[in-house]
Amino acid sequence: MIEPDLGGEPEVLKLAGVDWSYDRDSILHSLDFSLVAGEHCVVLGQSGSGKSTLLRLIAGLISPQSGSITINQQPAQRVSPKDRDVSLMFQDDRLYPHLSLRRAMNLACRASLVNGNVATEVECLAARFQITDILDRRPDQVSGGQLRRAALAKAILRRPTILLLDEPLHGLDASLREDFLSLLNELPRRRGRTADGKPLPPTAIVHVTHDGDEAMRLADRIAVLDQGRIVQSATPWEIYRRPQTLAVARALGQPSVNVILPIARNAFALDANAAHWIVRPEDIKVMFGPNDGSDEARWPAELVQSSFVNGSWISLWRSHQQEWRCVSGEDPREKVAGHTGTLSIPRDRILRIDPALSQSS
């Protein structure tokens, strides 16, 4: 995705010191989060980390027990959910069961604070989402993928200041996921003009998921939520290559990052004072020739298994009393004599996580 130029866009959302608990269990605590107009921020976290709670707080379905929420520089607690200019696409596609898709989309369009031709806008977005021929059906008369498209179209037609997406790819099969990823990547964010002709700031998106690949493909910015707090917020590249905690490192990438155990640090001459040393699976190479003199760490390892997953070979090796996950374009079993090979890591790809940054992990 081409990152939009968000310079100069106004801040449309700010959560400061927000706490929320359920039945004595702290879900979010001292949470700070902000968003500017037009930004697509993916909030990444494991199940139970508080992602859906965050969306419900922004939408006004629940209220913070402490802290503040502002939307368009106005205190949100004083504004009812229907007047917040926020649209939420639920994970389970809550369209009106007794209405046709067209009728539900028309209602969303009429609820918008932005002027426009309802029928034209519904038809244009339906064509873009490839659901024109099912607009007059009810939700129980369409497939799951079609219903998901209609739910997203309904949320967009509200043309809100903030669009909230709760696990939008949940439950979709592989082909539908890819199709929906493309759709989300090209999501229209323009909102038109006010009655007096002034351009409105583009829609900002808060999109929650547990899928790191989804976050990397769609986000302008990723915010990693762990134990009720945002532990790092940065561009996808920064999050992937410069994780500040082990939880952040583990949130992205399949297979998961390799954590170098203390017993192996001596073999690579790594500082034992760091909280963690990590290396991405795609940065470990299986070597079949002599050292070319580059600055690499090399060591023998035993091949445990190799399997083909999503277009790449994922292999598991054992050495220095730990296992190492590697990703490559060819099956190492075809080139490794017996079960022993040589692994290599460029030293600048071994990433350090310092103790001060890792306390929440």
Protein backbone atom coordinates (compact mmCIF):
# COMPACT_ATOMS: atom_id res chain seq x y z
CA MET A 1 0.00 0.00 0.00
CA ILE A 2 1.24 3.51 -0.81
CA GLU A 3 1.39 5.42 2.43
CA PRO A 4 -0.76 8.58 2.22
CA ASP A 5 0.63 11.99 3.01
CA LEU A 6 -0.98 12.73 6.37
CA GLY A 7 1.07 15.82 7.09
CA GLY A 8 -1.06 18.67 8.37
CA GLU A 9 -4.19 16.58 8.90
CA PRO A 10 -6.03 17.36 12.15
CA GLU A 11 -6.12 14.99 15.10
CA VAL A 12 -9.59 13.43 15.15
CA LEU A 13 -9.24 11.05 18.09
CA LYS A 14 -7.38 11.06 21.38
CA LEU A 15 -7.58 8.66 24.32
CA ALA A 16 -5.62 9.75 27.38
CA GLY A 17 -5.07 7.59 30.45
CA VAL A 18 -8.11 5.42 29.72
CA ASP A 19 -8.92 2.59 32.14
CA TRP A 20 -11.59 -0.07 31.70
CA SER A 21 -12.20 -3.19 33.76
CA TYR A 22 -14.70 -6.03 33.65
CA ASP A 23 -15.63 -8.03 36.73
CA ARG A 24 -12.43 -6.91 38.52
CA ASP A 25 -10.27 -7.86 35.54
CA SER A 26 -8.32 -4.91 34.13
CA ILE A 27 -8.75 -4.90 30.33
CA LEU A 28 -7.27 -1.50 29.46
CA HIS A 29 -5.23 0.62 31.83
CA SER A 30 -3.57 4.01 31.40
CA LEU A 31 -4.08 3.64 27.66
CA ASP A 32 -2.99 6.50 25.41
CA PHE A 33 -3.94 6.47 21.72
CA SER A 34 -4.40 9.10 19.02
CA LEU A 35 -5.38 9.25 15.34
CA VAL A 36 -5.23 11.86 12.59
CA ALA A 37 -7.68 12.32 9.73
CA GLY A 38 -7.14 9.95 6.81
CA GLU A 39 -4.89 7.58 8.75
CA HIS A 40 -5.37 3.80 8.65
CA CYS A 41 -4.11 2.60 12.02
CA VAL A 42 -4.14 -1.14 12.68
CA VAL A 43 -4.27 -2.07 16.37
CA LEU A 44 -2.54 -5.43 16.67
CA GLY A 45 -2.91 -7.73 19.64
CA GLN A 46 -3.69 -11.23 20.78
CA SER A 47 -7.17 -12.42 21.81
CA GLY A 48 -8.11 -10.84 25.12
CA SER A 49 -5.71 -7.92 24.76
CA GLY A 50 -8.55 -5.36 24.73
CA LYS A 51 -8.84 -4.62 21.00
CA SER A 52 -12.63 -4.86 20.74
CA THR A 53 -13.00 -3.00 24.04
CA LEU A 54 -11.01 -0.12 22.54
CA LEU A 55 -13.42 0.08 19.58
CA ARG A 56 -16.47 -0.02 21.82
CA LEU A 57 -15.06 2.83 23.90
CA ILE A 58 -14.49 4.96 20.81
CA ALA A 59 -17.98 4.17 19.49
CA GLY A 60 -19.55 5.06 22.85
CA LEU A 61 -21.04 1.62 23.51
CA ILE A 62 -19.21 1.60 26.85
CA SER A 63 -17.67 4.42 28.87
CA PRO A 64 -14.16 4.65 30.34
CA GLN A 65 -13.92 4.26 34.09
CA SER A 66 -11.19 6.89 34.10
CA GLY A 67 -9.31 8.93 31.55
CA SER A 68 -10.71 10.91 28.63
CA ILE A 69 -11.74 10.44 25.00
CA THR A 70 -11.96 13.33 22.54
CA ILE A 71 -13.32 13.15 19.00
CA ASN A 72 -12.82 16.16 16.73
CA GLN A 73 -11.39 18.03 19.72
CA GLN A 74 -14.66 17.58 21.66
CA PRO A 75 -15.11 15.49 24.85
CA ALA A 76 -16.75 12.29 23.61
CA GLN A 77 -18.32 11.39 26.94
CA ARG A 78 -20.78 14.24 26.45
CA VAL A 79 -21.89 12.95 23.03
CA SER A 80 -24.29 10.05 22.47
CA PRO A 81 -23.06 7.16 20.27
CA LYS A 82 -25.35 8.11 17.37
CA ASP A 83 -23.94 11.65 17.28
CA ARG A 84 -20.23 10.79 17.48
CA ASP A 85 -19.78 10.64 13.69
CA VAL A 86 -18.25 7.19 14.14
CA SER A 87 -19.14 4.03 12.20
CA LEU A 88 -18.42 0.52 13.50
CA MET A 89 -18.28 -2.63 11.40
CA PHE A 90 -18.84 -5.48 13.83
CA GLN A 91 -17.01 -8.78 13.49
CA ASP A 92 -20.33 -10.59 13.08
CA ASP A 93 -21.90 -8.35 10.39
CA ARG A 94 -24.85 -6.85 12.23
CA LEU A 95 -27.06 -5.85 9.31
CA TYR A 96 -30.78 -5.52 9.84
CA PRO A 97 -32.17 -9.04 9.22
CA HIS A 98 -35.57 -7.81 7.95
CA LEU A 99 -34.21 -5.22 5.51
CA SER A 100 -32.67 -5.65 2.08
CA LEU A 101 -29.02 -4.74 1.70
CA ARG A 102 -30.06 -1.72 -0.37
CA ARG A 103 -32.39 -0.47 2.36
CA ALA A 104 -29.71 -0.87 5.05
CA MET A 105 -27.18 0.98 2.92
CA ASN A 106 -29.69 3.74 2.15
CA LEU A 107 -30.30 4.27 5.86
CA ALA A 108 -26.56 4.52 6.53
CA CYS A 109 -26.16 7.03 3.72
CA ARG A 110 -29.06 9.18 4.99
CA ALA A 111 -27.57 9.15 8.49
CA SER A 112 -24.38 10.72 7.15
CA LEU A 113 -23.60 14.29 8.11
CA VAL A 114 -22.32 14.82 4.55
CA ASN A 115 -24.68 15.90 1.79
CA GLY A 116 -25.03 13.68 -1.28
CA ASN A 117 -27.35 11.72 -3.56
CA VAL A 118 -28.29 8.58 -1.65
CA ALA A 119 -29.27 6.37 -4.59
CA THR A 120 -26.19 7.33 -6.62
CA GLU A 121 -23.76 6.78 -3.77
CA VAL A 122 -25.23 3.38 -2.90
CA GLU A 123 -25.07 2.22 -6.52
CA CYS A 124 -21.51 3.49 -7.01
CA LEU A 125 -20.16 1.78 -3.89
CA ALA A 126 -22.13 -1.41 -4.59
CA ALA A 127 -20.52 -1.56 -8.04
CA ARG A 128 -17.09 -1.01 -6.57
CA PHE A 129 -17.69 -3.80 -4.03
CA GLN A 130 -19.28 -6.08 -6.69
CA ILE A 131 -22.60 -6.53 -4.87
CA THR A 132 -24.93 -4.65 -7.26
CA ASP A 133 -26.89 -7.75 -8.25
CA ILE A 134 -27.71 -8.72 -4.63
CA LEU A 135 -28.78 -5.33 -3.25
CA ASP A 136 -32.44 -6.32 -3.06
CA ARG A 137 -31.78 -9.47 -1.03
CA ARG A 138 -31.91 -9.80 2.76
CA PRO A 139 -28.84 -10.81 4.79
CA ASP A 140 -30.01 -14.43 5.07
CA GLN A 141 -30.18 -14.67 1.26
CA VAL A 142 -26.51 -13.92 0.51
CA SER A 143 -23.17 -15.63 1.15
CA GLY A 144 -20.87 -14.77 4.03
CA GLY A 145 -18.42 -12.99 1.76
CA GLN A 146 -21.19 -10.93 0.14
CA LEU A 147 -22.58 -10.05 3.55
CA ARG A 148 -19.14 -8.91 4.72
CA ARG A 149 -18.85 -6.63 1.67
CA ALA A 150 -22.30 -5.18 2.30
CA ALA A 151 -21.48 -4.55 5.97
CA LEU A 152 -18.30 -2.70 5.01
CA ALA A 153 -20.15 -0.69 2.34
CA LYS A 154 -22.78 0.27 4.92
CA ALA A 155 -20.09 1.47 7.33
CA ILE A 156 -18.38 3.52 4.61
CA LEU A 157 -21.64 5.10 3.37
CA ARG A 158 -22.04 6.65 6.79
CA ARG A 159 -18.97 8.70 5.72
CA PRO A 160 -17.83 9.06 9.32
CA THR A 161 -14.97 10.96 10.83
CA ILE A 162 -13.74 7.60 12.17
CA LEU A 163 -14.41 4.13 10.74
CA LEU A 164 -13.94 1.25 13.20
CA LEU A 165 -13.24 -2.24 11.85
CA ASP A 166 -13.44 -5.20 14.25
CA GLU A 167 -11.49 -8.17 12.79
CA PRO A 168 -12.92 -7.56 9.27
CA LEU A 169 -11.28 -10.69 7.81
CA HIS A 170 -12.40 -13.02 10.59
CA GLY A 171 -13.83 -16.30 9.32
CA LEU A 172 -13.09 -15.74 5.62
CA ASP A 173 -11.46 -18.52 3.62
CA ALA A 174 -8.12 -17.94 1.87
CA SER A 175 -9.49 -16.72 -1.48
CA LEU A 176 -12.03 -14.39 0.14
CA ARG A 177 -9.38 -13.03 2.50
CA GLU A 178 -7.16 -12.06 -0.40
CA ASP A 179 -10.09 -10.45 -2.19
CA PHE A 180 -11.09 -8.53 0.93
CA LEU A 181 -7.52 -7.41 1.61
CA SER A 182 -7.46 -5.78 -1.82
CA LEU A 183 -10.78 -4.13 -1.06
CA LEU A 184 -9.55 -2.76 2.27
CA ASN A 185 -6.32 -1.59 0.69
CA GLU A 186 -8.28 0.67 -1.66
CA LEU A 187 -10.87 1.78 0.85
CA PRO A 188 -12.29 5.20 -0.10
CA ARG A 189 -11.55 7.76 2.61
CA ARG A 190 -12.73 10.98 0.99
CA ARG A 191 -15.82 12.48 2.59
CA GLY A 192 -16.76 15.29 0.21
CA ARG A 193 -17.59 18.84 1.27
CA THR A 194 -19.70 20.64 3.82
CA ALA A 195 -22.88 22.51 2.87
CA ASP A 196 -20.84 25.70 2.39
CA GLY A 197 -18.35 23.96 0.08
CA LYS A 198 -15.42 23.38 2.44
CA PRO A 199 -13.59 20.04 2.02
CA LEU A 200 -13.99 17.64 4.91
CA PRO A 201 -10.97 15.83 6.37
CA PRO A 202 -10.76 12.24 5.08
CA THR A 203 -12.09 9.35 7.14
CA ALA A 204 -9.64 7.87 9.65
CA ILE A 205 -9.67 4.11 10.27
CA VAL A 206 -9.04 2.12 13.45
CA HIS A 207 -8.77 -1.53 12.42
CA VAL A 208 -8.20 -4.21 15.05
CA THR A 209 -6.78 -7.66 14.30
CA HIS A 210 -4.56 -10.39 15.72
CA ASP A 211 -3.05 -11.06 12.26
CA GLY A 212 0.37 -9.47 11.77
CA ASP A 213 0.42 -10.05 8.01
CA GLU A 214 -2.91 -8.26 7.69
CA ALA A 215 -1.52 -5.34 9.68
CA MET A 216 1.66 -5.13 7.57
CA ARG A 217 -0.28 -5.07 4.31
CA LEU A 218 -2.87 -2.46 5.25
CA ALA A 219 -1.59 -0.08 7.91
CA ASP A 220 -0.17 3.39 7.64
CA ARG A 221 0.69 2.87 11.30
CA ILE A 222 0.59 -0.17 13.59
CA ALA A 223 -0.14 0.14 17.31
CA VAL A 224 0.63 -3.03 19.28
CA LEU A 225 -1.67 -3.60 22.25
CA ASP A 226 -0.30 -5.81 25.01
CA GLN A 227 -1.58 -6.26 28.56
CA GLY A 228 -3.95 -3.32 28.23
CA ARG A 229 -1.43 -0.79 26.93
CA ILE A 230 -0.09 0.39 23.58
CA VAL A 231 3.52 -0.80 23.86
CA GLN A 232 4.71 0.51 20.49
CA SER A 233 3.17 2.65 17.76
CA ALA A 234 5.06 3.21 14.50
CA THR A 235 5.15 2.50 10.77
CA PRO A 236 4.95 -1.17 9.74
CA TRP A 237 8.65 -1.18 8.78
CA GLU A 238 9.68 0.30 12.14
CA ILE A 239 7.55 -2.18 14.06
CA TYR A 240 8.95 -5.12 12.10
CA ARG A 241 12.62 -4.16 12.10
CA ARG A 242 12.90 -2.26 15.38
CA PRO A 243 10.52 -3.89 17.88
CA GLN A 244 10.85 -2.39 21.33
CA THR A 245 9.52 -5.40 23.25
CA LEU A 246 9.38 -9.14 22.75
CA ALA A 247 5.58 -8.93 22.54
CA VAL A 248 5.91 -6.56 19.58
CA ALA A 249 8.47 -8.82 17.87
CA ARG A 250 6.19 -11.83 18.26
CA ALA A 251 3.13 -9.96 16.99
CA LEU A 252 4.47 -9.82 13.44
CA GLY A 253 5.72 -12.52 11.11
CA GLN A 254 4.87 -16.15 10.36
CA PRO A 255 6.57 -18.29 11.44
CA SER A 256 7.30 -16.47 14.67
CA VAL A 257 10.57 -14.70 15.42
CA ASN A 258 13.54 -16.71 16.75
CA VAL A 259 14.55 -15.69 20.28
CA ILE A 260 18.21 -16.51 20.91
CA LEU A 261 18.44 -18.31 24.25
CA PRO A 262 21.13 -17.31 26.77
CA ILE A 263 23.11 -20.51 26.16
CA ALA A 264 23.46 -19.62 22.48
CA ARG A 265 24.47 -15.99 23.02
CA ASN A 266 28.06 -16.93 23.81
CA ALA A 267 28.38 -18.71 20.46
CA PHE A 268 27.47 -15.48 18.64
CA ALA A 269 29.37 -13.14 21.00
CA LEU A 270 26.20 -11.32 21.97
CA ASP A 271 25.93 -9.00 24.97
CA ALA A 272 24.30 -10.91 27.82
CA ASN A 273 22.95 -7.68 29.33
CA ALA A 274 20.29 -7.27 26.64
CA ALA A 275 16.81 -8.50 27.59
CA HIS A 276 16.48 -10.39 24.32
CA TRP A 277 18.29 -11.02 21.05
CA ILE A 278 16.05 -12.00 18.15
CA VAL A 279 16.32 -12.91 14.47
CA ARG A 280 13.58 -13.18 11.86
CA PRO A 281 13.18 -16.62 10.18
CA GLU A 282 13.67 -15.15 6.70
CA ASP A 283 17.03 -13.70 7.78
CA ILE A 284 18.51 -17.13 8.53
CA LYS A 285 19.98 -18.72 5.40
CA VAL A 286 20.86 -22.33 4.73
CA MET A 287 24.38 -22.30 3.26
CA PHE A 288 25.68 -24.79 0.71
CA GLY A 289 29.03 -23.22 -0.17
CA PRO A 290 32.14 -21.70 1.49
CA ASN A 291 32.08 -18.46 3.46
CA ASP A 292 32.35 -15.53 1.04
CA GLY A 293 33.98 -13.30 3.63
CA SER A 294 30.86 -11.30 4.52
CA ASP A 295 30.07 -10.40 8.11
CA GLU A 296 27.93 -13.37 9.01
CA ALA A 297 27.51 -15.69 11.93
CA ARG A 298 27.68 -19.33 10.74
CA TRP A 299 27.13 -22.56 12.63
CA PRO A 300 26.22 -26.21 11.97
CA ALA A 301 22.68 -27.35 12.73
CA GLU A 302 20.55 -30.46 12.43
CA LEU A 303 17.52 -30.36 10.13
CA VAL A 304 14.40 -31.47 12.01
CA GLN A 305 11.67 -30.92 9.42
CA SER A 306 10.73 -28.93 6.34
CA SER A 307 7.28 -28.10 4.97
CA PHE A 308 5.80 -26.00 2.16
CA VAL A 309 3.48 -23.25 3.46
CA ASN A 310 1.95 -20.38 1.45
CA GLY A 311 4.57 -20.45 -1.28
CA SER A 312 7.68 -20.83 0.90
CA TRP A 313 9.62 -23.61 2.60
CA ILE A 314 9.57 -23.36 6.37
CA SER A 315 12.27 -25.47 7.99
CA LEU A 316 13.05 -26.24 11.62
CA TRP A 317 16.65 -26.76 12.77
CA ARG A 318 18.25 -27.68 16.11
CA SER A 319 21.52 -26.29 17.41
CA HIS A 320 22.94 -24.76 20.62
CA GLN A 321 20.18 -26.49 22.60
CA GLN A 322 17.40 -24.59 20.86
CA GLU A 323 15.32 -24.71 17.69
CA TRP A 324 15.65 -22.27 14.78
CA ARG A 325 12.92 -21.47 12.27
CA CYS A 326 13.96 -20.57 8.71
CA VAL A 327 12.06 -19.45 5.60
CA SER A 328 13.47 -20.09 2.11
CA GLY A 329 12.41 -20.41 -1.49
CA GLU A 330 13.61 -24.00 -1.87
CA ASP A 331 13.41 -27.21 0.10
CA PRO A 332 16.63 -27.56 2.13
CA ARG A 333 16.18 -31.35 2.21
CA GLU A 334 17.22 -31.46 -1.43
CA LYS A 335 20.61 -29.91 -0.73
CA VAL A 336 21.53 -30.93 2.80
CA ALA A 337 23.67 -34.05 3.00
CA GLY A 338 22.13 -36.31 5.64
CA HIS A 339 20.47 -34.14 8.27
CA THR A 340 23.21 -31.59 8.94
CA GLY A 341 23.61 -28.19 7.31
CA THR A 342 25.13 -24.78 7.93
CA LEU A 343 23.00 -21.82 8.95
CA SER A 344 24.01 -18.20 8.48
CA ILE A 345 22.78 -14.86 9.84
CA PRO A 346 24.08 -11.45 8.70
CA ARG A 347 25.14 -9.82 11.96
CA ASP A 348 23.17 -6.66 11.25
CA ARG A 349 19.99 -8.79 11.20
CA ILE A 350 20.40 -9.93 14.80
CA LEU A 351 18.18 -7.49 16.69
CA ARG A 352 18.64 -6.39 20.28
CA ILE A 353 15.78 -5.63 22.67
CA ASP A 354 16.92 -3.76 25.75
CA PRO A 355 15.67 -4.55 29.28
CA ALA A 356 14.13 -1.11 29.83
CA LEU A 357 11.91 -1.55 26.76
CA SER A 358 10.91 -5.13 27.55
CA GLN A 359 9.34 -4.84 30.98
CA SER A 360 5.80 -5.29 29.59
CA SER A 361 6.78 -8.49 27.78
